[in-house]
PDB file of N, CA and C in Angstrom:
ATOM      1  N   MET A   1      92.792  89.510  99.592  1.00  0.00           N
ATOM      2  CA  MET A   1      93.487  89.171  97.814  1.00  0.00           C
ATOM      3  C   MET A   1      94.869  88.706  97.439  1.00  0.00           C
ATOM      4  N   LYS A   2      94.726  87.731  96.780  1.00  0.00           N
ATOM      5  CA  LYS A   2      95.912  87.427  96.204  1.00  0.00           C
ATOM      6  C   LYS A   2      96.318  87.839  95.251  1.00  0.00           C
ATOM      7  N   LEU A   3      97.894  87.629  95.602  1.00  0.00           N
ATOM      8  CA  LEU A   3      98.614  88.535  94.240  1.00  0.00           C
ATOM      9  C   LEU A   3      98.247  87.940  92.772  1.00  0.00           C
ATOM     10  N   ILE A   4      98.378  86.354  93.050  1.00  0.00           N
ATOM     11  CA  ILE A   4      97.572  86.086  91.379  1.00  0.00           C
ATOM     12  C   ILE A   4      96.452  86.445  91.140  1.00  0.00           C
ATOM     13  N   ASP A   5      95.706  86.619  92.315  1.00  0.00           N
ATOM     14  CA  ASP A   5      94.088  87.245  91.885  1.00  0.00           C
ATOM     15  C   ASP A   5      93.912  88.653  91.472  1.00  0.00           C
ATOM     16  N   PHE A   6      95.202  89.757  91.751  1.00  0.00           N
ATOM     17  CA  PHE A   6      95.002  90.815  91.357  1.00  0.00           C
ATOM     18  C   PHE A   6      95.948  91.341  89.844  1.00  0.00           C
ATOM     19  N   MET A   7      96.229  89.982  89.576  1.00  0.00           N
ATOM     20  CA  MET A   7      96.447  90.053  87.445  1.00  0.00           C
ATOM     21  C   MET A   7      95.548  90.627  86.907  1.00  0.00           C
ATOM     22  N   ASP A   8      94.426  90.499  86.891  1.00  0.00           N
ATOM     23  CA  ASP A   8      93.171  90.513  86.640  1.00  0.00           C
ATOM     24  C   ASP A   8      92.933  91.653  86.609  1.00  0.00           C
ATOM     25  N   TYR A   9      93.277  92.654  87.212  1.00  0.00           N
ATOM     26  CA  TYR A   9      92.884  94.521  87.460  1.00  0.00           C
ATOM     27  C   TYR A   9      94.408  94.829  87.314  1.00  0.00           C
ATOM     28  N   LEU A  10      95.035  94.361  87.138  1.00  0.00           N
ATOM     29  CA  LEU A  10      96.991  94.848  86.883  1.00  0.00           C
ATOM     30  C   LEU A  10      96.211  94.549  84.879  1.00  0.00           C
ATOM     31  N   THR A  11      95.543  94.286  84.657  1.00  0.00           N
ATOM     32  CA  THR A  11      95.855  93.695  83.317  1.00  0.00           C
ATOM     33  C   THR A  11      94.627  94.883  82.627  1.00  0.00           C
ATOM     34  N   SER A  12      93.925  95.356  83.341  1.00  0.00           N
ATOM     35  CA  SER A  12      92.622  95.894  82.859  1.00  0.00           C
ATOM     36  C   SER A  12      92.720  97.059  83.774  1.00  0.00           C
ATOM     37  N   PRO A  13      92.678  98.046  82.902  1.00  0.00           N
ATOM     38  CA  PRO A  13      92.302  99.437  83.913  1.00  0.00           C
ATOM     39  C   PRO A  13      90.902  99.831  83.941  1.00  0.00           C
ATOM     40  N   GLU A  14      89.337  99.146  83.202  1.00  0.00           N
ATOM     41  CA  GLU A  14      88.659  99.026  83.736  1.00  0.00           C
ATOM     42  C   GLU A  14      88.074  98.676  84.925  1.00  0.00           C
ATOM     43  N   LEU A  15      88.564  97.266  85.054  1.00  0.00           N
ATOM     44  CA  LEU A  15      88.496  96.581  86.336  1.00  0.00           C
ATOM     45  C   LEU A  15      89.520  97.156  87.525  1.00  0.00           C
ATOM     46  N   LEU A  16      90.476  97.690  87.394  1.00  0.00           N
ATOM     47  CA  LEU A  16      91.300  98.500  88.372  1.00  0.00           C
ATOM     48  C   LEU A  16      90.695  99.510  88.581  1.00  0.00           C
ATOM     49  N   GLY A  17      89.901 100.107  87.984  1.00  0.00           N
ATOM     50  CA  GLY A  17      89.151 101.313  88.181  1.00  0.00           C
ATOM     51  C   GLY A  17      87.809 101.196  89.028  1.00  0.00           C
ATOM     52  N   ASP A  18      87.149 100.249  89.079  1.00  0.00           N
ATOM     53  CA  ASP A  18      86.206  99.569  89.705  1.00  0.00           C
ATOM     54  C   ASP A  18      86.333  99.321  91.226  1.00  0.00           C
ATOM     55  N   LEU A  19      87.496  98.204  90.927  1.00  0.00           N
ATOM     56  CA  LEU A  19      88.261  98.436  92.333  1.00  0.00           C
ATOM     57  C   LEU A  19      88.458  99.028  92.840  1.00  0.00           C
ATOM     58  N   TYR A  20      89.439 100.000  93.216  1.00  0.00           N
ATOM     59  CA  TYR A  20      89.602 101.434  93.341  1.00  0.00           C
ATOM     60  C   TYR A  20      88.603 101.938  94.199  1.00  0.00           C
ATOM     61  N   ASN A  21      86.920 101.787  93.411  1.00  0.00           N
ATOM     62  CA  ASN A  21      85.831 102.504  93.523  1.00  0.00           C
ATOM     63  C   ASN A  21      85.266 101.468  95.034  1.00  0.00           C
ATOM     64  N   GLU A  22      85.794 100.052  94.656  1.00  0.00           N
ATOM     65  CA  GLU A  22      84.647  99.078  95.928  1.00  0.00           C
ATOM     66  C   GLU A  22      85.815  99.520  97.255  1.00  0.00           C
ATOM     67  N   MET A  23      86.793  99.767  96.877  1.00  0.00           N
ATOM     68  CA  MET A  23      87.791  99.593  98.093  1.00  0.00           C
ATOM     69  C   MET A  23      87.774 101.252  98.636  1.00  0.00           C
ATOM     70  N   GLY A  24      87.386 102.124  97.538  1.00  0.00           N
ATOM     71  CA  GLY A  24      87.309 103.432  98.130  1.00  0.00           C
ATOM     72  C   GLY A  24      88.570 104.488  97.747  1.00  0.00           C
ATOM     73  N   ILE A  25      89.135 103.985  97.311  1.00  0.00           N
ATOM     74  CA  ILE A  25      90.843 104.498  96.902  1.00  0.00           C
ATOM     75  C   ILE A  25      90.626 105.680  95.606  1.00  0.00           C
ATOM     76  N   SER A  26      90.644 106.802  96.356  1.00  0.00           N
ATOM     77  CA  SER A  26      90.739 107.882  95.744  1.00  0.00           C
ATOM     78  C   SER A  26      91.906 108.891  94.953  1.00  0.00           C
ATOM     79  N   ILE A  27      93.128 108.004  96.149  1.00  0.00           N
ATOM     80  CA  ILE A  27      94.545 108.361  95.491  1.00  0.00           C
ATOM     81  C   ILE A  27      95.043 107.984  94.323  1.00  0.00           C
ATOM     82  N   GLN A  28      96.351 108.644  93.894  1.00  0.00           N
ATOM     83  CA  GLN A  28      96.838 108.138  92.558  1.00  0.00           C
ATOM     84  C   GLN A  28      97.266 107.066  92.375  1.00  0.00           C
ATOM     85  N   PRO A  29      97.130 106.431  91.263  1.00  0.00           N
ATOM     86  CA  PRO A  29      98.016 105.020  90.732  1.00  0.00           C
ATOM     87  C   PRO A  29      99.302 104.752  91.621  1.00  0.00           C
ATOM     88  N   ASP A  30     100.142 106.004  90.745  1.00  0.00           N
ATOM     89  CA  ASP A  30     101.364 105.766  91.664  1.00  0.00           C
ATOM     90  C   ASP A  30     101.961 106.336  92.888  1.00  0.00           C
ATOM     91  N   GLU A  31     100.797 106.555  93.686  1.00  0.00           N
ATOM     92  CA  GLU A  31     100.901 106.651  95.120  1.00  0.00           C
ATOM     93  C   GLU A  31      99.937 105.752  95.845  1.00  0.00           C
ATOM     94  N   LEU A  32      99.838 104.474  95.095  1.00  0.00           N
ATOM     95  CA  LEU A  32      99.337 103.320  95.740  1.00  0.00           C
ATOM     96  C   LEU A  32     100.336 102.216  95.783  1.00  0.00           C
ATOM     97  N   LEU A  33     100.659 101.659  96.734  1.00  0.00           N
ATOM     98  CA  LEU A  33     101.900 100.854  96.641  1.00  0.00           C
ATOM     99  C   LEU A  33     101.235  99.186  97.280  1.00  0.00           C
ATOM    100  N   ILE A  34     102.168  98.515  96.381  1.00  0.00           N
ATOM    101  CA  ILE A  34     101.767  96.925  96.563  1.00  0.00           C
ATOM    102  C   ILE A  34     102.770  96.308  97.822  1.00  0.00           C
ATOM    103  N   TYR A  35     101.879  95.964  98.898  1.00  0.00           N
ATOM    104  CA  TYR A  35     102.990  95.301  99.801  1.00  0.00           C
ATOM    105  C   TYR A  35     102.804  93.607 100.210  1.00  0.00           C
ATOM    106  N   VAL A  36     103.579  93.132 100.626  1.00  0.00           N
ATOM    107  CA  VAL A  36     102.893  91.746 100.698  1.00  0.00           C
ATOM    108  C   VAL A  36     103.460  91.378 102.422  1.00  0.00           C
ATOM    109  N   ARG A  37     102.692  90.491 102.827  1.00  0.00           N
ATOM    110  CA  ARG A  37     103.444  89.737 104.259  1.00  0.00           C
ATOM    111  C   ARG A  37     103.906  88.593 104.314  1.00  0.00           C
ATOM    112  N   ASP A  38     105.293  88.527 104.999  1.00  0.00           N
ATOM    113  CA  ASP A  38     106.029  87.482 105.526  1.00  0.00           C
ATOM    114  C   ASP A  38     106.844  86.544 104.101  1.00  0.00           C
ATOM    115  N   TYR A  39     105.984  86.664 102.616  1.00  0.00           N
ATOM    116  CA  TYR A  39     106.933  86.028 101.795  1.00  0.00           C
ATOM    117  C   TYR A  39     106.322  86.396 100.381  1.00  0.00           C
ATOM    118  N   LEU A  40     107.293  86.505  99.423  1.00  0.00           N
ATOM    119  CA  LEU A  40     106.331  86.814  98.268  1.00  0.00           C
ATOM    120  C   LEU A  40     106.483  85.355  97.516  1.00  0.00           C
ATOM    121  N   ASP A  41     105.186  85.050  97.435  1.00  0.00           N
ATOM    122  CA  ASP A  41     105.173  84.321  95.963  1.00  0.00           C
ATOM    123  C   ASP A  41     103.581  84.698  95.180  1.00  0.00           C
ATOM    124  N   ILE A  42     103.043  83.853  94.261  1.00  0.00           N
ATOM    125  CA  ILE A  42     101.833  84.338  93.473  1.00  0.00           C
ATOM    126  C   ILE A  42     100.726  84.236  94.443  1.00  0.00           C
ATOM    127  N   HIS A  43     100.741  83.654  95.374  1.00  0.00           N
ATOM    128  CA  HIS A  43      99.426  83.303  96.268  1.00  0.00           C
ATOM    129  C   HIS A  43      99.457  84.068  97.567  1.00  0.00           C
ATOM    130  N   SER A  44     100.665  85.060  97.657  1.00  0.00           N
ATOM    131  CA  SER A  44     101.035  85.941  98.296  1.00  0.00           C
ATOM    132  C   SER A  44      99.299  86.832  99.180  1.00  0.00           C
ATOM    133  N   ASP A  45      99.222  87.427 100.470  1.00  0.00           N
ATOM    134  CA  ASP A  45      98.164  88.480 100.622  1.00  0.00           C
ATOM    135  C   ASP A  45      98.697  89.396 100.271  1.00  0.00           C
ATOM    136  N   ILE A  46      98.296  90.330  99.402  1.00  0.00           N
ATOM    137  CA  ILE A  46      98.465  91.463  99.236  1.00  0.00           C
ATOM    138  C   ILE A  46      97.692  92.450  99.505  1.00  0.00           C
ATOM    139  N   PHE A  47      98.990  93.769 100.096  1.00  0.00           N
ATOM    140  CA  PHE A  47      98.051  94.828 101.058  1.00  0.00           C
ATOM    141  C   PHE A  47      98.392  96.417 100.069  1.00  0.00           C
ATOM    142  N   PHE A  48      97.124  97.430 100.466  1.00  0.00           N
ATOM    143  CA  PHE A  48      97.913  98.338 100.066  1.00  0.00           C
ATOM    144  C   PHE A  48      97.893  99.638 100.627  1.00  0.00           C
ATOM    145  N   PHE A  49      98.446 100.022 100.879  1.00  0.00           N
ATOM    146  CA  PHE A  49      99.246 101.111 101.404  1.00  0.00           C
ATOM    147  C   PHE A  49      99.618 102.463 100.643  1.00  0.00           C
ATOM    148  N   SER A  50      99.220 104.002 101.436  1.00  0.00           N
ATOM    149  CA  SER A  50      99.159 104.837 100.328  1.00  0.00           C
ATOM    150  C   SER A  50     100.611 105.399 100.430  1.00  0.00           C
ATOM    151  N   LEU A  51     101.547 106.074  99.640  1.00  0.00           N
ATOM    152  CA  LEU A  51     102.905 106.767  99.816  1.00  0.00           C
ATOM    153  C   LEU A  51     103.388 107.188 100.605  1.00  0.00           C
ATOM    154  N   ASP A  52     101.654 108.158 101.160  1.00  0.00           N
ATOM    155  CA  ASP A  52     101.586 109.279 102.478  1.00  0.00           C
ATOM    156  C   ASP A  52     102.320 108.665 103.664  1.00  0.00           C
ATOM    157  N   GLU A  53     101.570 107.353 103.951  1.00  0.00           N
ATOM    158  CA  GLU A  53     101.915 106.258 105.257  1.00  0.00           C
ATOM    159  C   GLU A  53     103.254 105.867 105.096  1.00  0.00           C
ATOM    160  N   THR A  54     103.432 105.214 103.712  1.00  0.00           N
ATOM    161  CA  THR A  54     104.943 104.514 104.120  1.00  0.00           C
ATOM    162  C   THR A  54     106.326 105.190 103.776  1.00  0.00           C
ATOM    163  N   ASN A  55     106.150 106.173 103.240  1.00  0.00           N
ATOM    164  CA  ASN A  55     107.247 107.387 102.981  1.00  0.00           C
ATOM    165  C   ASN A  55     108.007 106.329 102.007  1.00  0.00           C
ATOM    166  N   ASP A  56     107.401 106.006 100.795  1.00  0.00           N
ATOM    167  CA  ASP A  56     107.862 104.552 100.088  1.00  0.00           C
ATOM    168  C   ASP A  56     109.057 103.249 100.669  1.00  0.00           C
ATOM    169  N   GLN A  57     108.992 103.330 101.999  1.00  0.00           N
ATOM    170  CA  GLN A  57     109.459 102.467 102.714  1.00  0.00           C
ATOM    171  C   GLN A  57     109.550 100.946 101.927  1.00  0.00           C
ATOM    172  N   ARG A  58     110.766 100.401 101.530  1.00  0.00           N
ATOM    173  CA  ARG A  58     110.780  98.952 101.214  1.00  0.00           C
ATOM    174  C   ARG A  58     110.316  97.797 101.997  1.00  0.00           C
ATOM    175  N   THR A  59     110.744  97.846 103.026  1.00  0.00           N
ATOM    176  CA  THR A  59     110.048  97.408 104.423  1.00  0.00           C
ATOM    177  C   THR A  59     109.405  98.454 105.284  1.00  0.00           C
ATOM    178  N   PHE A  60     108.202  98.115 105.575  1.00  0.00           N
ATOM    179  CA  PHE A  60     107.126  99.134 106.527  1.00  0.00           C
ATOM    180  C   PHE A  60     106.145  98.277 107.561  1.00  0.00           C
ATOM    181  N   GLU A  61     106.429  98.675 108.542  1.00  0.00           N
ATOM    182  CA  GLU A  61     105.977  97.791 109.763  1.00  0.00           C
ATOM    183  C   GLU A  61     104.498  99.187 110.145  1.00  0.00           C
ATOM    184  N   LYS A  62     103.275  98.503 110.619  1.00  0.00           N
ATOM    185  CA  LYS A  62     101.966  98.605 110.923  1.00  0.00           C
ATOM    186  C   LYS A  62     101.977  97.977 112.066  1.00  0.00           C
ATOM    187  N   ASP A  63     101.163  98.538 113.298  1.00  0.00           N
ATOM    188  CA  ASP A  63     100.396  97.417 114.247  1.00  0.00           C
ATOM    189  C   ASP A  63     101.087  96.472 114.737  1.00  0.00           C
ATOM    190  N   GLY A  64     102.566  96.255 114.702  1.00  0.00           N
ATOM    191  CA  GLY A  64     103.617  95.180 114.447  1.00  0.00           C
ATOM    192  C   GLY A  64     103.686  94.259 113.667  1.00  0.00           C
ATOM    193  N   VAL A  65     103.115  94.418 112.406  1.00  0.00           N
ATOM    194  CA  VAL A  65     103.214  93.682 111.300  1.00  0.00           C
ATOM    195  C   VAL A  65     103.956  94.331 110.328  1.00  0.00           C
ATOM    196  N   LYS A  66     105.077  93.338 109.591  1.00  0.00           N
ATOM    197  CA  LYS A  66     106.011  93.960 109.096  1.00  0.00           C
ATOM    198  C   LYS A  66     105.720  93.165 107.464  1.00  0.00           C
ATOM    199  N   TYR A  67     105.684  94.633 106.555  1.00  0.00           N
ATOM    200  CA  TYR A  67     105.132  94.468 105.627  1.00  0.00           C
ATOM    201  C   TYR A  67     106.426  94.752 104.229  1.00  0.00           C
ATOM    202  N   ASP A  68     106.635  93.894 103.084  1.00  0.00           N
ATOM    203  CA  ASP A  68     107.174  94.270 102.057  1.00  0.00           C
ATOM    204  C   ASP A  68     106.619  94.631 100.679  1.00  0.00           C
ATOM    205  N   GLN A  69     107.154  95.718 100.537  1.00  0.00           N
ATOM    206  CA  GLN A  69     107.165  96.695  99.196  1.00  0.00           C
ATOM    207  C   GLN A  69     107.193  95.818  97.849  1.00  0.00           C
ATOM    208  N   ILE A  70     106.110  95.851  96.776  1.00  0.00           N
ATOM    209  CA  ILE A  70     106.379  95.335  96.233  1.00  0.00           C
ATOM    210  C   ILE A  70     106.446  96.116  94.551  1.00  0.00           C
ATOM    211  N   PHE A  71     105.697  96.874  94.714  1.00  0.00           N
ATOM    212  CA  PHE A  71     105.694  98.206  93.490  1.00  0.00           C
ATOM    213  C   PHE A  71     104.264  98.977  93.826  1.00  0.00           C
ATOM    214  N   SER A  72     104.627 100.359  93.360  1.00  0.00           N
ATOM    215  CA  SER A  72     103.388 101.153  93.203  1.00  0.00           C
ATOM    216  C   SER A  72     102.368  99.947  92.452  1.00  0.00           C
ATOM    217  N   VAL A  73     100.972 100.404  92.320  1.00  0.00           N
ATOM    218  CA  VAL A  73     100.117  99.805  91.259  1.00  0.00           C
ATOM    219  C   VAL A  73     100.302 100.712  89.869  1.00  0.00           C
ATOM    220  N   ASP A  74     100.714 101.709  89.601  1.00  0.00           N
ATOM    221  CA  ASP A  74     101.219 102.299  88.612  1.00  0.00           C
ATOM    222  C   ASP A  74     102.361 101.661  88.006  1.00  0.00           C
ATOM    223  N   TYR A  75     103.107 101.287  88.504  1.00  0.00           N
ATOM    224  CA  TYR A  75     104.633 100.777  87.801  1.00  0.00           C
ATOM    225  C   TYR A  75     104.599  99.660  87.517  1.00  0.00           C
ATOM    226  N   ALA A  76     103.579  98.705  88.294  1.00  0.00           N
ATOM    227  CA  ALA A  76     102.741  97.203  88.088  1.00  0.00           C
ATOM    228  C   ALA A  76     102.260  97.305  86.422  1.00  0.00           C
ATOM    229  N   VAL A  77     101.032  98.139  86.793  1.00  0.00           N
ATOM    230  CA  VAL A  77     100.760  98.288  85.310  1.00  0.00           C
ATOM    231  C   VAL A  77     101.491  98.470  83.872  1.00  0.00           C
ATOM    232  N   ASN A  78     102.398  99.943  84.549  1.00  0.00           N
ATOM    233  CA  ASN A  78     103.133  99.720  83.603  1.00  0.00           C
ATOM    234  C   ASN A  78     104.455  98.515  83.193  1.00  0.00           C
ATOM    235  N   LEU A  79     104.591  97.648  83.890  1.00  0.00           N
ATOM    236  CA  LEU A  79     105.764  96.812  83.708  1.00  0.00           C
ATOM    237  C   LEU A  79     105.104  95.310  83.207  1.00  0.00           C
ATOM    238  N   ILE A  80     103.749  95.753  83.162  1.00  0.00           N
ATOM    239  CA  ILE A  80     103.033  94.837  82.226  1.00  0.00           C
ATOM    240  C   ILE A  80     103.557  94.480  80.890  1.00  0.00           C
ATOM    241  N   SER A  81     102.685  96.061  80.596  1.00  0.00           N
ATOM    242  CA  SER A  81     102.925  96.098  79.246  1.00  0.00           C
ATOM    243  C   SER A  81     104.675  95.854  78.893  1.00  0.00           C
ATOM    244  N   MET A  82     105.400  96.981  79.637  1.00  0.00           N
ATOM    245  CA  MET A  82     107.063  96.598  79.255  1.00  0.00           C
ATOM    246  C   MET A  82     107.386  95.120  79.166  1.00  0.00           C
ATOM    247  N   LEU A  83     106.871  94.189  79.778  1.00  0.00           N
ATOM    248  CA  LEU A  83     107.518  92.774  79.498  1.00  0.00           C
ATOM    249  C   LEU A  83     106.112  92.105  78.608  1.00  0.00           C
ATOM    250  N   ASP A  84     105.375  93.162  77.959  1.00  0.00           N
ATOM    251  CA  ASP A  84     104.211  92.675  76.639  1.00  0.00           C
ATOM    252  C   ASP A  84     103.795  91.332  77.237  1.00  0.00           C
ATOM    253  N   LEU A  85     102.963  91.458  78.464  1.00  0.00           N
ATOM    254  CA  LEU A  85     101.993  90.472  78.818  1.00  0.00           C
ATOM    255  C   LEU A  85     100.598  90.720  79.035  1.00  0.00           C
ATOM    256  N   ARG A  86      99.966  91.883  78.398  1.00  0.00           N
ATOM    257  CA  ARG A  86      99.124  92.372  78.325  1.00  0.00           C
ATOM    258  C   ARG A  86      98.422  92.168  77.195  1.00  0.00           C
ATOM    259  N   ASP A  87      97.375  91.565  77.370  1.00  0.00           N
ATOM    260  CA  ASP A  87      96.289  91.191  75.511  1.00  0.00           C
ATOM    261  C   ASP A  87      96.699  90.186  74.806  1.00  0.00           C
ATOM    262  N   LYS A  88      97.481  89.194  75.831  1.00  0.00           N
ATOM    263  CA  LYS A  88      98.188  87.814  75.188  1.00  0.00           C
ATOM    264  C   LYS A  88      97.287  86.424  75.982  1.00  0.00           C
ATOM    265  N   ASP A  89      97.504  85.340  75.801  1.00  0.00           N
ATOM    266  CA  ASP A  89      96.864  83.996  75.937  1.00  0.00           C
ATOM    267  C   ASP A  89      97.297  83.678  77.569  1.00  0.00           C
ATOM    268  N   TYR A  90      98.392  84.762  78.481  1.00  0.00           N
ATOM    269  CA  TYR A  90      98.667  84.366  79.075  1.00  0.00           C
ATOM    270  C   TYR A  90      98.505  84.371  80.908  1.00  0.00           C
ATOM    271  N   THR A  91      98.432  83.043  81.505  1.00  0.00           N
ATOM    272  CA  THR A  91      97.512  82.928  82.742  1.00  0.00           C
ATOM    273  C   THR A  91      98.076  84.156  83.720  1.00  0.00           C
ATOM    274  N   ASN A  92      97.289  84.051  84.690  1.00  0.00           N
ATOM    275  CA  ASN A  92      97.448  85.193  85.782  1.00  0.00           C
ATOM    276  C   ASN A  92      98.259  84.342  86.552  1.00  0.00           C
ATOM    277  N   GLU A  93      98.938  83.290  86.454  1.00  0.00           N
ATOM    278  CA  GLU A  93      99.867  82.784  87.749  1.00  0.00           C
ATOM    279  C   GLU A  93     101.297  83.067  86.525  1.00  0.00           C
ATOM    280  N   TYR A  94     101.200  82.647  85.497  1.00  0.00           N
ATOM    281  CA  TYR A  94     102.236  83.746  84.430  1.00  0.00           C
ATOM    282  C   TYR A  94     102.671  85.072  84.576  1.00  0.00           C
ATOM    283  N   ILE A  95     101.563  85.800  84.685  1.00  0.00           N
ATOM    284  CA  ILE A  95     102.127  87.239  84.349  1.00  0.00           C
ATOM    285  C   ILE A  95     102.558  87.234  86.137  1.00  0.00           C
ATOM    286  N   ALA A  96     101.886  86.979  86.964  1.00  0.00           N
ATOM    287  CA  ALA A  96     102.263  87.102  88.356  1.00  0.00           C
ATOM    288  C   ALA A  96     103.625  86.631  88.772  1.00  0.00           C
ATOM    289  N   GLN A  97     103.830  85.044  88.069  1.00  0.00           N
ATOM    290  CA  GLN A  97     105.239  84.983  88.432  1.00  0.00           C
ATOM    291  C   GLN A  97     106.210  86.146  87.714  1.00  0.00           C
ATOM    292  N   ARG A  98     105.966  86.524  86.258  1.00  0.00           N
ATOM    293  CA  ARG A  98     107.357  87.160  85.962  1.00  0.00           C
ATOM    294  C   ARG A  98     107.305  88.696  86.804  1.00  0.00           C
ATOM    295  N   LEU A  99     105.813  89.211  87.046  1.00  0.00           N
ATOM    296  CA  LEU A  99     105.883  90.384  87.732  1.00  0.00           C
ATOM    297  C   LEU A  99     107.071  89.785  89.362  1.00  0.00           C
ATOM    298  N   ILE A 100     107.180  88.753  90.032  1.00  0.00           N
ATOM    299  CA  ILE A 100     107.796  88.541  90.924  1.00  0.00           C
ATOM    300  C   ILE A 100     109.445  88.310  90.589  1.00  0.00           C
ATOM    301  N   GLU A 101     109.667  87.512  89.471  1.00  0.00           N
ATOM    302  CA  GLU A 101     111.024  87.403  88.862  1.00  0.00           C
ATOM    303  C   GLU A 101     111.154  88.869  88.743  1.00  0.00           C
ATOM    304  N   TYR A 102     110.726  89.914  88.094  1.00  0.00           N
ATOM    305  CA  TYR A 102     111.146  91.213  87.783  1.00  0.00           C
ATOM    306  C   TYR A 102     111.312  91.542  89.395  1.00  0.00           C
ATOM    307  N   CYS A 103     110.310  91.774  89.940  1.00  0.00           N
ATOM    308  CA  CYS A 103     110.854  92.173  91.473  1.00  0.00           C
ATOM    309  C   CYS A 103     112.259  91.788  92.024  1.00  0.00           C
ATOM    310  N   ILE A 104     112.428  90.471  92.092  1.00  0.00           N
ATOM    311  CA  ILE A 104     113.864  89.922  92.633  1.00  0.00           C
ATOM    312  C   ILE A 104     115.175  90.143  91.865  1.00  0.00           C
ATOM    313  N   ASN A 105     114.560  89.837  90.711  1.00  0.00           N
ATOM    314  CA  ASN A 105     116.125  90.105  89.728  1.00  0.00           C
ATOM    315  C   ASN A 105     116.191  91.633  89.226  1.00  0.00           C
ATOM    316  N   ASP A 106     115.402  92.321  88.696  1.00  0.00           N
ATOM    317  CA  ASP A 106     115.663  93.589  88.226  1.00  0.00           C
ATOM    318  C   ASP A 106     115.027  94.891  89.023  1.00  0.00           C
ATOM    319  N   ALA A 107     114.305  94.549  90.028  1.00  0.00           N
ATOM    320  CA  ALA A 107     113.932  95.854  90.551  1.00  0.00           C
ATOM    321  C   ALA A 107     115.094  96.712  91.212  1.00  0.00           C
TER     322      ALA A 107
END
């Protein structure tokens, strides 16, 4: 899944719950971390790893592939609220770009 496509889930708790069910995820949102591979932009593929699997490392390697952490799912959901991006007419592109800017500049 691309980061831009994940915005629908981050802005809707119902959709996020459905995604968890589809992926068979049974851990808490604050224990599920979002990682990217290679580069961070709105079209980056995202990967989910548990806190236990990564030990919350900023950079994590699995099977010879290096991943960089963005946020926990829970933090990303809260950040969208904190930045007042929920329930507005913002595009997924705009929301994803704001999260990236926050990750780079403020996190």
